Amino acid sequence: MDLRPSLDERAYVRDGANQTAVKILVVGHFAVGKTTFIGSISEITPLSTEETMTRAGEAVDDLKGVRSKTTTTVAMDFGRLTLSDRVVLYLFGTPGQLRFVQMWEDMARGALGALVLVDPDRLADSFAVIDLIEQYGLDYAIAVNRFDGTPVYEEAALREALDLLDDTPVVTCDARDEKSSAEALIRLVRHLLDRVH
């Protein structure tokens, strides 16, 4: 039984609270686990625009390595996580396909930063995503989403493969696990706070 509140006017701000809203993007390439990540950590029932994939999409969406995928995000995912009585994170998950780049740009407006989910089996698919986030001028952290059976790389090898700056945080997570997802998000928030101070 899901005890999280439904999306209504009370779902966004606690009664009587003087909260600061922080917009965070959860981005990554197609089928990396963005919807799963937001679903595992959101304190409200997440808004999800998952739709069943059709044969028409086979010509556009590369299913190599993700043959079991049957749905895809067609607009965005949205969740909320309250860090304290004063700070609440609003999580916006972008669709993974580059044909939605215009939507990414719109969603990036007003965002404080981004958590970039990466599949260690498909690192090259992350290059375009990282380029876009840098183009938008957002600070970000990398969260390597450890799927079952994926290779394990040393952090130095990941940094080199993704051509990251020394101060870009790199963490591993399991997007299915609330605690693991929270740790990745906390690492991003700490990085963003360091950049502000």
Protein backbone atom coordinates (compact mmCIF):
# COMPACT_ATOMS: atom_id res chain seq x y z
CA MET A 1 0.00 0.00 0.00
CA ASP A 2 1.41 3.38 -1.06
CA LEU A 3 1.07 5.87 1.80
CA ARG A 4 2.64 8.80 -0.03
CA PRO A 5 0.28 11.76 -0.58
CA SER A 6 -1.25 12.21 -4.00
CA LEU A 7 -0.47 15.22 -6.17
CA ASP A 8 -2.73 17.99 -4.95
CA GLU A 9 -2.11 21.50 -3.65
CA ARG A 10 -0.70 20.12 -0.36
CA ALA A 11 1.82 17.94 -2.16
CA TYR A 12 4.14 20.82 -2.98
CA VAL A 13 4.65 22.77 0.25
CA ARG A 14 4.04 21.69 3.83
CA ASP A 15 1.36 23.64 5.71
CA GLY A 16 2.83 26.67 7.46
CA ALA A 17 6.35 26.00 6.22
CA ASN A 18 8.58 28.74 4.90
CA GLN A 19 10.46 26.64 2.37
CA THR A 20 13.04 27.33 -0.27
CA ALA A 21 12.35 25.38 -3.45
CA VAL A 22 15.38 23.99 -5.25
CA LYS A 23 14.98 22.69 -8.79
CA ILE A 24 17.23 19.74 -9.66
CA LEU A 25 17.39 17.97 -13.02
CA VAL A 26 17.85 14.21 -13.19
CA VAL A 27 19.28 13.58 -16.64
CA GLY A 28 20.90 10.83 -18.63
CA HIS A 29 20.75 8.96 -21.86
CA PHE A 30 17.91 6.68 -22.96
CA ALA A 31 17.15 3.79 -20.57
CA VAL A 32 19.63 4.74 -17.85
CA GLY A 33 17.14 4.72 -14.94
CA LYS A 34 15.92 8.30 -14.47
CA THR A 35 12.27 7.36 -13.91
CA THR A 36 13.31 4.58 -11.53
CA PHE A 37 15.60 6.97 -9.62
CA ILE A 38 12.88 9.57 -9.06
CA GLY A 39 10.36 6.87 -8.19
CA SER A 40 12.66 5.40 -5.54
CA ILE A 41 13.35 8.68 -3.74
CA SER A 42 10.29 10.91 -4.16
CA GLU A 43 8.26 11.45 -0.98
CA ILE A 44 5.15 12.00 -3.09
CA THR A 45 3.75 9.74 -5.75
CA PRO A 46 5.88 10.87 -8.68
CA LEU A 47 4.38 12.32 -11.81
CA SER A 48 5.52 10.09 -14.64
CA THR A 49 4.85 10.27 -18.36
CA GLU A 50 5.90 6.72 -19.16
CA GLU A 51 4.30 5.29 -22.28
CA THR A 52 4.51 1.86 -23.86
CA MET A 53 7.15 1.67 -26.56
CA THR A 54 5.86 0.77 -30.02
CA ARG A 55 7.38 -0.72 -33.16
CA ALA A 56 7.56 2.78 -34.65
CA GLY A 57 10.08 3.69 -31.93
CA GLU A 58 12.40 0.81 -32.81
CA ALA A 59 13.78 2.79 -35.74
CA VAL A 60 14.56 5.76 -33.46
CA ASP A 61 15.42 4.36 -30.01
CA ASP A 62 18.47 2.12 -29.77
CA LEU A 63 17.52 -0.83 -27.56
CA LYS A 64 21.00 -2.36 -27.61
CA GLY A 65 21.69 -3.54 -24.08
CA VAL A 66 18.16 -2.73 -22.87
CA ARG A 67 16.01 -5.24 -24.78
CA SER A 68 13.69 -5.72 -21.79
CA LYS A 69 12.67 -2.04 -21.80
CA THR A 70 8.97 -1.72 -22.65
CA THR A 71 8.18 1.88 -21.66
CA THR A 72 9.81 5.27 -22.15
CA THR A 73 9.39 8.79 -20.79
CA VAL A 74 7.71 11.03 -23.34
CA ALA A 75 7.68 14.32 -21.45
CA MET A 76 9.18 14.30 -17.95
CA ASP A 77 9.18 12.79 -14.49
CA PHE A 78 8.61 14.87 -11.38
CA GLY A 79 9.18 14.15 -7.71
CA ARG A 80 9.78 15.97 -4.45
CA LEU A 81 12.16 15.43 -1.57
CA THR A 82 12.10 17.57 1.58
CA LEU A 83 15.59 17.94 3.05
CA SER A 84 14.53 20.08 6.02
CA ASP A 85 11.72 22.38 7.13
CA ARG A 86 13.37 25.07 5.00
CA VAL A 87 14.63 23.25 1.88
CA VAL A 88 12.68 21.10 -0.55
CA LEU A 89 14.08 19.61 -3.74
CA TYR A 90 11.91 19.43 -6.83
CA LEU A 91 13.26 16.70 -9.10
CA PHE A 92 12.65 16.95 -12.83
CA GLY A 93 13.58 13.91 -14.90
CA THR A 94 14.20 14.52 -18.58
CA PRO A 95 13.45 12.10 -21.40
CA GLY A 96 16.62 10.37 -22.54
CA GLN A 97 16.29 10.71 -26.30
CA LEU A 98 18.09 13.64 -27.92
CA ARG A 99 15.02 14.43 -30.02
CA PHE A 100 13.67 16.02 -26.80
CA VAL A 101 16.55 18.51 -26.51
CA GLN A 102 14.22 21.54 -26.69
CA MET A 103 12.36 20.21 -23.66
CA TRP A 104 15.66 19.76 -21.80
CA GLU A 105 16.52 23.38 -22.46
CA ASP A 106 13.16 24.54 -21.10
CA MET A 107 13.49 22.33 -18.02
CA ALA A 108 17.03 23.61 -17.34
CA ARG A 109 15.76 27.15 -16.76
CA GLY A 110 15.87 27.89 -13.04
CA ALA A 111 17.59 24.62 -12.14
CA LEU A 112 20.35 24.82 -9.54
CA GLY A 113 22.12 21.73 -10.84
CA ALA A 114 21.83 18.30 -12.39
CA LEU A 115 22.45 14.70 -11.43
CA VAL A 116 23.70 12.89 -14.53
CA LEU A 117 22.90 9.16 -14.44
CA VAL A 118 25.40 7.03 -16.34
CA ASP A 119 25.29 3.37 -17.41
CA PRO A 120 28.81 1.89 -17.08
CA ASP A 121 28.02 -0.42 -20.02
CA ARG A 122 27.19 2.52 -22.30
CA LEU A 123 29.52 5.34 -21.24
CA ALA A 124 29.72 6.82 -24.75
CA ASP A 125 25.96 7.48 -24.64
CA SER A 126 26.62 9.98 -21.83
CA PHE A 127 28.84 12.31 -23.85
CA ALA A 128 25.98 14.22 -25.50
CA VAL A 129 24.14 14.51 -22.17
CA ILE A 130 27.16 15.96 -20.36
CA ASP A 131 27.79 18.34 -23.26
CA LEU A 132 24.22 19.66 -22.99
CA ILE A 133 24.40 20.16 -19.23
CA GLU A 134 27.69 22.03 -19.60
CA GLN A 135 26.19 24.09 -22.43
CA TYR A 136 23.33 25.10 -20.11
CA GLY A 137 25.90 26.18 -17.51
CA LEU A 138 24.66 23.81 -14.80
CA ASP A 139 26.87 22.35 -12.11
CA TYR A 140 26.45 18.59 -11.95
CA ALA A 141 27.46 15.32 -10.35
CA ILE A 142 27.80 11.95 -12.05
CA ALA A 143 25.89 8.99 -10.60
CA VAL A 144 26.96 5.67 -12.08
CA ASN A 145 23.83 3.54 -12.00
CA ARG A 146 24.94 0.01 -11.20
CA PHE A 147 22.66 -2.40 -13.01
CA ASP A 148 22.90 -6.14 -12.35
CA GLY A 149 25.98 -7.51 -14.06
CA THR A 150 27.41 -4.18 -15.22
CA PRO A 151 31.18 -3.71 -15.19
CA VAL A 152 32.86 -2.01 -12.24
CA TYR A 153 35.35 0.71 -13.13
CA GLU A 154 37.76 2.61 -10.95
CA GLU A 155 36.76 6.24 -10.44
CA ALA A 156 39.90 7.46 -12.22
CA ALA A 157 38.99 5.40 -15.30
CA LEU A 158 35.44 6.80 -15.28
CA ARG A 159 36.73 10.34 -14.96
CA GLU A 160 39.07 9.85 -17.88
CA ALA A 161 36.44 8.15 -20.04
CA LEU A 162 33.90 10.93 -19.38
CA ASP A 163 36.54 13.72 -19.52
CA LEU A 164 35.45 15.18 -16.17
CA LEU A 165 36.94 18.06 -14.24
CA ASP A 166 38.69 17.11 -11.01
CA ASP A 167 35.98 18.67 -8.83
CA THR A 168 33.03 16.94 -10.54
CA PRO A 169 31.63 14.45 -8.02
CA VAL A 170 31.37 10.82 -9.14
CA VAL A 171 29.28 8.39 -7.08
CA THR A 172 27.83 4.96 -7.69
CA CYS A 173 24.20 4.23 -7.00
CA ASP A 174 21.41 1.77 -7.58
CA ALA A 175 18.46 3.81 -8.88
CA ARG A 176 16.07 1.16 -7.53
CA ASP A 177 17.23 1.70 -3.95
CA GLU A 178 15.98 4.70 -1.96
CA LYS A 179 19.05 4.96 0.30
CA SER A 180 21.48 4.66 -2.59
CA SER A 181 19.58 7.26 -4.63
CA ALA A 182 19.48 9.60 -1.62
CA GLU A 183 23.25 9.32 -1.17
CA ALA A 184 23.80 10.30 -4.82
CA LEU A 185 21.48 13.27 -4.47
CA ILE A 186 23.12 14.37 -1.21
CA ARG A 187 26.51 14.31 -2.94
CA LEU A 188 25.14 16.61 -5.66
CA VAL A 189 23.61 19.00 -3.10
CA ARG A 190 26.91 19.18 -1.17
CA HIS A 191 28.72 19.94 -4.42
CA LEU A 192 26.23 22.70 -5.24
CA LEU A 193 26.61 24.20 -1.75
CA ASP A 194 30.42 24.15 -2.12
CA ARG A 195 30.10 26.04 -5.41
CA VAL A 196 27.88 28.70 -3.81
CA HIS A 197 30.26 29.34 -0.89
